[in-house]
Amino acid sequence: MRSRGNEVVSHDMRHMRNPNRQAAKRRAVESEGSDTILIYNSSNGTTEKYAQWIAEELDCDVMKYSRAKLGYASMYKNIIFGSWLRGGEITRFNMLRANLSHFGIDNNNLIVFATGIIEPTDEYRAFVKGLNGCKQLPDDCFYMLPGKYDSRECKSADKLALKAMGEKIFAPIAESQVDEAKARFENGYDGVDVKSIQPIIKKILEFRQ
């Protein structure tokens, strides 16, 4: 935990409180605070777990997704956004993407990661990047991390959304992989692996050089 004047910022799962933008920017220049923020959106805890691991490795600031607080990202040189996939959509990312210029962070270092249970082949990665407006992101700034799914733990709203999508979920998947993808949804799947975050850690360390 670090103290920034009257503001306390830590890399646990709590929100930041009452940030002052100009003061924060001055502190960033003076290297007194973290240069990296991780914003995450989690449904079953998987993305939150990855966020916690990344924050611990990088000693960076972390914030649970809040539309009202996305502007905090403008204080940081490096921004990591993590969320989960639903039908190829990186949930909640569209709001950050739509406001990159508005927040003055379109020239900042942005890394996006998405958790899911469908195997991230080159074709599926390209589909997800295109669907979410991430085509401009270099491959080493976009990651698809193995997630977890258990229908018994799935929120009702998420179940309804998945049911409404039906077979559309599998449309962008190679025919040879559809059966495996369906089995993961039907039987459950847990591919969460702390080692998956290492490329993200490496990239942020490169940004910090």
C-alpha atoms as a PDB file:
ATOM      1  CA  MET A   1       0.000   0.000   0.000  1.00  0.00           C
ATOM      2  CA  ARG A   2       1.225   3.466  -0.915  1.00  0.00           C
ATOM      3  CA  SER A   3       0.187   6.830   0.427  1.00  0.00           C
ATOM      4  CA  ARG A   4      -0.393   9.635  -2.067  1.00  0.00           C
ATOM      5  CA  GLY A   5      -1.005  12.702   0.069  1.00  0.00           C
ATOM      6  CA  ASN A   6      -4.543  12.355   1.408  1.00  0.00           C
ATOM      7  CA  GLU A   7      -5.239   9.511  -0.980  1.00  0.00           C
ATOM      8  CA  VAL A   8      -4.434   5.891  -0.205  1.00  0.00           C
ATOM      9  CA  VAL A   9      -3.833   3.630  -3.188  1.00  0.00           C
ATOM     10  CA  SER A  10      -3.058  -0.068  -2.921  1.00  0.00           C
ATOM     11  CA  HIS A  11      -2.842  -3.014  -5.259  1.00  0.00           C
ATOM     12  CA  ASP A  12      -5.532  -4.991  -3.419  1.00  0.00           C
ATOM     13  CA  MET A  13      -9.120  -5.213  -4.719  1.00  0.00           C
ATOM     14  CA  ARG A  14     -10.357  -1.893  -3.244  1.00  0.00           C
ATOM     15  CA  HIS A  15     -11.308   1.206  -5.215  1.00  0.00           C
ATOM     16  CA  MET A  16      -9.138   4.287  -5.308  1.00  0.00           C
ATOM     17  CA  ARG A  17     -10.589   7.230  -3.417  1.00  0.00           C
ATOM     18  CA  ASN A  18     -10.933  10.901  -4.356  1.00  0.00           C
ATOM     19  CA  PRO A  19      -8.020  11.196  -6.813  1.00  0.00           C
ATOM     20  CA  ASN A  20      -6.821  14.627  -7.874  1.00  0.00           C
ATOM     21  CA  ARG A  21      -5.922  14.431 -11.560  1.00  0.00           C
ATOM     22  CA  GLN A  22      -3.373  17.205 -11.791  1.00  0.00           C
ATOM     23  CA  ALA A  23      -1.639  16.180  -8.584  1.00  0.00           C
ATOM     24  CA  ALA A  24      -1.589  12.584  -9.751  1.00  0.00           C
ATOM     25  CA  LYS A  25      -0.029  13.565 -13.059  1.00  0.00           C
ATOM     26  CA  ARG A  26       2.669  15.563 -11.275  1.00  0.00           C
ATOM     27  CA  ARG A  27       3.418  12.620  -9.010  1.00  0.00           C
ATOM     28  CA  ALA A  28       3.663  10.312 -12.025  1.00  0.00           C
ATOM     29  CA  VAL A  29       6.247  12.618 -13.575  1.00  0.00           C
ATOM     30  CA  GLU A  30       8.152  12.647 -10.303  1.00  0.00           C
ATOM     31  CA  SER A  31       8.003   8.813 -10.177  1.00  0.00           C
ATOM     32  CA  GLU A  32       6.407   8.839  -6.715  1.00  0.00           C
ATOM     33  CA  GLY A  33       3.445   6.696  -7.681  1.00  0.00           C
ATOM     34  CA  SER A  34       2.580   3.765  -9.882  1.00  0.00           C
ATOM     35  CA  ASP A  35       2.753   4.364 -13.622  1.00  0.00           C
ATOM     36  CA  THR A  36       0.324   1.508 -14.289  1.00  0.00           C
ATOM     37  CA  ILE A  37      -3.350   0.908 -13.553  1.00  0.00           C
ATOM     38  CA  LEU A  38      -5.263  -2.321 -14.088  1.00  0.00           C
ATOM     39  CA  ILE A  39      -9.021  -2.004 -14.610  1.00  0.00           C
ATOM     40  CA  TYR A  40     -10.907  -5.291 -14.484  1.00  0.00           C
ATOM     41  CA  ASN A  41     -14.432  -6.582 -14.963  1.00  0.00           C
ATOM     42  CA  SER A  42     -15.180 -10.006 -13.525  1.00  0.00           C
ATOM     43  CA  SER A  43     -18.268 -12.198 -13.322  1.00  0.00           C
ATOM     44  CA  ASN A  44     -17.219 -15.503 -11.751  1.00  0.00           C
ATOM     45  CA  GLY A  45     -13.979 -14.320 -10.156  1.00  0.00           C
ATOM     46  CA  THR A  46     -11.609 -15.545 -12.865  1.00  0.00           C
ATOM     47  CA  THR A  47     -10.668 -12.151 -14.285  1.00  0.00           C
ATOM     48  CA  GLU A  48     -10.389 -10.782 -10.756  1.00  0.00           C
ATOM     49  CA  LYS A  49      -7.919 -13.542  -9.894  1.00  0.00           C
ATOM     50  CA  TYR A  50      -5.771 -12.691 -12.924  1.00  0.00           C
ATOM     51  CA  ALA A  51      -5.980  -9.000 -11.991  1.00  0.00           C
ATOM     52  CA  GLN A  52      -4.770  -9.772  -8.496  1.00  0.00           C
ATOM     53  CA  TRP A  53      -1.833 -11.828  -9.764  1.00  0.00           C
ATOM     54  CA  ILE A  54      -0.813  -9.131 -12.258  1.00  0.00           C
ATOM     55  CA  ALA A  55      -1.109  -6.357  -9.661  1.00  0.00           C
ATOM     56  CA  GLU A  56       1.063  -8.302  -7.232  1.00  0.00           C
ATOM     57  CA  GLU A  57       3.741  -8.899  -9.871  1.00  0.00           C
ATOM     58  CA  LEU A  58       3.813  -5.291 -11.074  1.00  0.00           C
ATOM     59  CA  ASP A  59       2.952  -3.548  -7.804  1.00  0.00           C
ATOM     60  CA  CYS A  60       0.490  -1.475  -9.810  1.00  0.00           C
ATOM     61  CA  ASP A  61      -2.802   0.186  -8.936  1.00  0.00           C
ATOM     62  CA  VAL A  62      -5.985  -1.776  -9.602  1.00  0.00           C
ATOM     63  CA  MET A  63      -9.633  -0.833  -9.886  1.00  0.00           C
ATOM     64  CA  LYS A  64     -12.793  -2.822 -10.433  1.00  0.00           C
ATOM     65  CA  TYR A  65     -14.640  -1.586 -13.511  1.00  0.00           C
ATOM     66  CA  SER A  66     -16.815   1.447 -12.871  1.00  0.00           C
ATOM     67  CA  ARG A  67     -18.139   3.552 -15.725  1.00  0.00           C
ATOM     68  CA  ALA A  68     -18.099   6.621 -13.500  1.00  0.00           C
ATOM     69  CA  LYS A  69     -14.430   6.142 -12.609  1.00  0.00           C
ATOM     70  CA  LEU A  70     -12.897   5.236 -15.969  1.00  0.00           C
ATOM     71  CA  GLY A  71     -11.436   8.731 -16.201  1.00  0.00           C
ATOM     72  CA  TYR A  72      -8.930   7.754 -13.506  1.00  0.00           C
ATOM     73  CA  ALA A  73      -7.043   5.942 -16.268  1.00  0.00           C
ATOM     74  CA  SER A  74      -5.889   9.324 -17.576  1.00  0.00           C
ATOM     75  CA  MET A  75      -3.475   9.543 -14.635  1.00  0.00           C
ATOM     76  CA  TYR A  76      -1.375   6.614 -15.798  1.00  0.00           C
ATOM     77  CA  LYS A  77       1.206   5.957 -18.462  1.00  0.00           C
ATOM     78  CA  ASN A  78       0.285   2.267 -18.776  1.00  0.00           C
ATOM     79  CA  ILE A  79      -3.269   0.929 -18.768  1.00  0.00           C
ATOM     80  CA  ILE A  80      -4.253  -2.725 -18.519  1.00  0.00           C
ATOM     81  CA  PHE A  81      -7.889  -3.629 -19.109  1.00  0.00           C
ATOM     82  CA  GLY A  82      -9.083  -7.134 -18.328  1.00  0.00           C
ATOM     83  CA  SER A  83     -12.519  -8.670 -18.718  1.00  0.00           C
ATOM     84  CA  TRP A  84     -14.306 -11.831 -19.773  1.00  0.00           C
ATOM     85  CA  LEU A  85     -15.642 -12.922 -23.140  1.00  0.00           C
ATOM     86  CA  ARG A  86     -19.330 -13.362 -23.897  1.00  0.00           C
ATOM     87  CA  GLY A  87     -20.009 -14.406 -27.457  1.00  0.00           C
ATOM     88  CA  GLY A  88     -16.692 -12.876 -28.486  1.00  0.00           C
ATOM     89  CA  GLU A  89     -17.477  -9.543 -26.796  1.00  0.00           C
ATOM     90  CA  ILE A  90     -14.993  -8.300 -24.199  1.00  0.00           C
ATOM     91  CA  THR A  91     -17.574  -7.199 -21.668  1.00  0.00           C
ATOM     92  CA  ARG A  92     -17.404  -3.518 -20.635  1.00  0.00           C
ATOM     93  CA  PHE A  93     -14.449  -2.755 -22.905  1.00  0.00           C
ATOM     94  CA  ASN A  94     -16.585  -0.795 -25.359  1.00  0.00           C
ATOM     95  CA  MET A  95     -16.982   2.070 -22.867  1.00  0.00           C
ATOM     96  CA  LEU A  96     -13.249   2.460 -22.319  1.00  0.00           C
ATOM     97  CA  ARG A  97     -12.578   2.171 -26.055  1.00  0.00           C
ATOM     98  CA  ALA A  98     -15.188   4.829 -26.862  1.00  0.00           C
ATOM     99  CA  ASN A  99     -13.603   7.264 -24.428  1.00  0.00           C
ATOM    100  CA  LEU A 100      -9.890   6.791 -25.096  1.00  0.00           C
ATOM    101  CA  SER A 101      -9.579  10.175 -26.791  1.00  0.00           C
ATOM    102  CA  HIS A 102     -12.024  11.836 -24.407  1.00  0.00           C
ATOM    103  CA  PHE A 103      -9.920  10.733 -21.441  1.00  0.00           C
ATOM    104  CA  GLY A 104      -6.726  11.794 -23.191  1.00  0.00           C
ATOM    105  CA  ILE A 105      -5.285   8.283 -23.028  1.00  0.00           C
ATOM    106  CA  ASP A 106      -5.379   7.241 -26.675  1.00  0.00           C
ATOM    107  CA  ASN A 107      -1.607   7.666 -26.829  1.00  0.00           C
ATOM    108  CA  ASN A 108      -0.933   5.807 -23.602  1.00  0.00           C
ATOM    109  CA  ASN A 109       0.346   2.243 -23.493  1.00  0.00           C
ATOM    110  CA  LEU A 110      -2.762   0.050 -23.538  1.00  0.00           C
ATOM    111  CA  ILE A 111      -2.873  -3.696 -22.913  1.00  0.00           C
ATOM    112  CA  VAL A 112      -6.126  -5.652 -23.133  1.00  0.00           C
ATOM    113  CA  PHE A 113      -6.685  -9.186 -21.895  1.00  0.00           C
ATOM    114  CA  ALA A 114      -9.825 -11.280 -22.073  1.00  0.00           C
ATOM    115  CA  THR A 115     -10.625 -14.504 -20.253  1.00  0.00           C
ATOM    116  CA  GLY A 116     -12.629 -17.250 -21.897  1.00  0.00           C
ATOM    117  CA  ILE A 117     -12.973 -20.983 -22.404  1.00  0.00           C
ATOM    118  CA  ILE A 118     -12.806 -21.193 -26.203  1.00  0.00           C
ATOM    119  CA  GLU A 119      -9.352 -22.086 -27.517  1.00  0.00           C
ATOM    120  CA  PRO A 120      -7.729 -18.845 -28.789  1.00  0.00           C
ATOM    121  CA  THR A 121      -6.629 -19.947 -32.247  1.00  0.00           C
ATOM    122  CA  ASP A 122      -5.275 -17.317 -34.636  1.00  0.00           C
ATOM    123  CA  GLU A 123      -8.658 -17.205 -36.370  1.00  0.00           C
ATOM    124  CA  TYR A 124     -10.584 -16.765 -33.125  1.00  0.00           C
ATOM    125  CA  ARG A 125      -8.157 -14.123 -31.866  1.00  0.00           C
ATOM    126  CA  ALA A 126      -8.627 -12.180 -35.102  1.00  0.00           C
ATOM    127  CA  PHE A 127     -12.412 -12.444 -34.731  1.00  0.00           C
ATOM    128  CA  VAL A 128     -12.369 -11.172 -31.149  1.00  0.00           C
ATOM    129  CA  LYS A 129      -9.990  -8.307 -31.954  1.00  0.00           C
ATOM    130  CA  GLY A 130     -12.148  -7.230 -34.877  1.00  0.00           C
ATOM    131  CA  LEU A 131     -15.421  -7.488 -32.972  1.00  0.00           C
ATOM    132  CA  ASN A 132     -14.075  -5.354 -30.129  1.00  0.00           C
ATOM    133  CA  GLY A 133     -12.306  -2.709 -32.182  1.00  0.00           C
ATOM    134  CA  CYS A 134      -8.850  -3.919 -31.166  1.00  0.00           C
ATOM    135  CA  LYS A 135      -7.350  -4.426 -34.617  1.00  0.00           C
ATOM    136  CA  GLN A 136      -4.944  -1.544 -34.023  1.00  0.00           C
ATOM    137  CA  LEU A 137      -3.508  -3.202 -30.905  1.00  0.00           C
ATOM    138  CA  PRO A 138      -0.218  -5.047 -31.510  1.00  0.00           C
ATOM    139  CA  ASP A 139      -0.363  -8.778 -30.798  1.00  0.00           C
ATOM    140  CA  ASP A 140       1.871  -8.313 -27.760  1.00  0.00           C
ATOM    141  CA  CYS A 141      -0.688  -5.878 -26.281  1.00  0.00           C
ATOM    142  CA  PHE A 142      -3.695  -8.181 -26.679  1.00  0.00           C
ATOM    143  CA  TYR A 143      -4.071 -11.434 -24.767  1.00  0.00           C
ATOM    144  CA  MET A 144      -6.679 -14.143 -24.420  1.00  0.00           C
ATOM    145  CA  LEU A 145      -6.190 -15.966 -21.120  1.00  0.00           C
ATOM    146  CA  PRO A 146      -7.692 -19.368 -20.260  1.00  0.00           C
ATOM    147  CA  GLY A 147     -10.775 -18.910 -18.124  1.00  0.00           C
ATOM    148  CA  LYS A 148     -13.223 -20.953 -16.127  1.00  0.00           C
ATOM    149  CA  TYR A 149     -16.859 -21.888 -16.606  1.00  0.00           C
ATOM    150  CA  ASP A 150     -19.284 -23.775 -14.398  1.00  0.00           C
ATOM    151  CA  SER A 151     -22.957 -23.427 -15.251  1.00  0.00           C
ATOM    152  CA  ARG A 152     -23.828 -23.940 -11.571  1.00  0.00           C
ATOM    153  CA  GLU A 153     -21.891 -20.779 -10.678  1.00  0.00           C
ATOM    154  CA  CYS A 154     -22.980 -18.721 -13.675  1.00  0.00           C
ATOM    155  CA  LYS A 155     -25.150 -15.687 -12.898  1.00  0.00           C
ATOM    156  CA  SER A 156     -28.727 -15.862 -14.148  1.00  0.00           C
ATOM    157  CA  ALA A 157     -28.302 -12.859 -16.437  1.00  0.00           C
ATOM    158  CA  ASP A 158     -25.202 -14.405 -18.008  1.00  0.00           C
ATOM    159  CA  LYS A 159     -26.998 -17.718 -18.505  1.00  0.00           C
ATOM    160  CA  LEU A 160     -29.837 -15.961 -20.293  1.00  0.00           C
ATOM    161  CA  ALA A 161     -27.423 -14.035 -22.494  1.00  0.00           C
ATOM    162  CA  LEU A 162     -25.571 -17.203 -23.474  1.00  0.00           C
ATOM    163  CA  LYS A 163     -28.829 -19.029 -24.140  1.00  0.00           C
ATOM    164  CA  ALA A 164     -30.045 -16.174 -26.336  1.00  0.00           C
ATOM    165  CA  MET A 165     -26.881 -16.370 -28.426  1.00  0.00           C
ATOM    166  CA  GLY A 166     -27.323 -20.082 -28.997  1.00  0.00           C
ATOM    167  CA  GLU A 167     -25.193 -21.498 -31.801  1.00  0.00           C
ATOM    168  CA  LYS A 168     -23.943 -18.011 -32.723  1.00  0.00           C
ATOM    169  CA  ILE A 169     -21.289 -18.416 -30.016  1.00  0.00           C
ATOM    170  CA  PHE A 170     -19.608 -21.122 -32.075  1.00  0.00           C
ATOM    171  CA  ALA A 171     -19.922 -19.440 -35.488  1.00  0.00           C
ATOM    172  CA  PRO A 172     -16.376 -17.970 -35.543  1.00  0.00           C
ATOM    173  CA  ILE A 173     -14.780 -21.222 -34.357  1.00  0.00           C
ATOM    174  CA  ALA A 174     -13.136 -23.674 -36.735  1.00  0.00           C
ATOM    175  CA  GLU A 175     -15.427 -26.634 -37.387  1.00  0.00           C
ATOM    176  CA  SER A 176     -12.835 -29.015 -35.990  1.00  0.00           C
ATOM    177  CA  GLN A 177     -12.976 -27.231 -32.617  1.00  0.00           C
ATOM    178  CA  VAL A 178     -16.729 -26.787 -32.197  1.00  0.00           C
ATOM    179  CA  ASP A 179     -17.254 -30.114 -30.397  1.00  0.00           C
ATOM    180  CA  GLU A 180     -14.533 -29.304 -27.864  1.00  0.00           C
ATOM    181  CA  ALA A 181     -15.943 -25.828 -27.278  1.00  0.00           C
ATOM    182  CA  LYS A 182     -19.452 -27.203 -26.745  1.00  0.00           C
ATOM    183  CA  ALA A 183     -18.116 -29.806 -24.315  1.00  0.00           C
ATOM    184  CA  ARG A 184     -16.491 -27.076 -22.224  1.00  0.00           C
ATOM    185  CA  PHE A 185     -19.792 -25.226 -21.937  1.00  0.00           C
ATOM    186  CA  GLU A 186     -21.755 -28.380 -21.173  1.00  0.00           C
ATOM    187  CA  ASN A 187     -19.328 -30.064 -18.772  1.00  0.00           C
ATOM    188  CA  GLY A 188     -17.503 -27.087 -17.311  1.00  0.00           C
ATOM    189  CA  TYR A 189     -13.916 -26.032 -17.776  1.00  0.00           C
ATOM    190  CA  ASP A 190     -11.100 -24.606 -15.672  1.00  0.00           C
ATOM    191  CA  GLY A 191      -7.933 -23.544 -17.475  1.00  0.00           C
ATOM    192  CA  VAL A 192      -6.894 -20.730 -15.117  1.00  0.00           C
ATOM    193  CA  ASP A 193      -3.108 -20.618 -14.934  1.00  0.00           C
ATOM    194  CA  VAL A 194      -0.938 -18.000 -13.236  1.00  0.00           C
ATOM    195  CA  LYS A 195       1.790 -18.586 -15.831  1.00  0.00           C
ATOM    196  CA  SER A 196      -0.498 -17.075 -18.471  1.00  0.00           C
ATOM    197  CA  ILE A 197       0.145 -13.570 -17.140  1.00  0.00           C
ATOM    198  CA  GLN A 198       3.882 -13.603 -17.800  1.00  0.00           C
ATOM    199  CA  PRO A 199       3.715 -12.063 -21.319  1.00  0.00           C
ATOM    200  CA  ILE A 200       1.686  -9.176 -19.852  1.00  0.00           C
ATOM    201  CA  ILE A 201       4.229  -8.672 -17.083  1.00  0.00           C
ATOM    202  CA  LYS A 202       7.044  -8.704 -19.630  1.00  0.00           C
ATOM    203  CA  LYS A 203       5.344  -6.106 -21.834  1.00  0.00           C
ATOM    204  CA  ILE A 204       4.698  -3.682 -18.964  1.00  0.00           C
ATOM    205  CA  LEU A 205       8.327  -4.022 -17.867  1.00  0.00           C
ATOM    206  CA  GLU A 206       9.333  -3.112 -21.422  1.00  0.00           C
ATOM    207  CA  PHE A 207       7.101  -0.033 -21.235  1.00  0.00           C
ATOM    208  CA  ARG A 208       8.809   0.945 -17.990  1.00  0.00           C
ATOM    209  CA  GLN A 209      12.320   0.906 -19.435  1.00  0.00           C
END
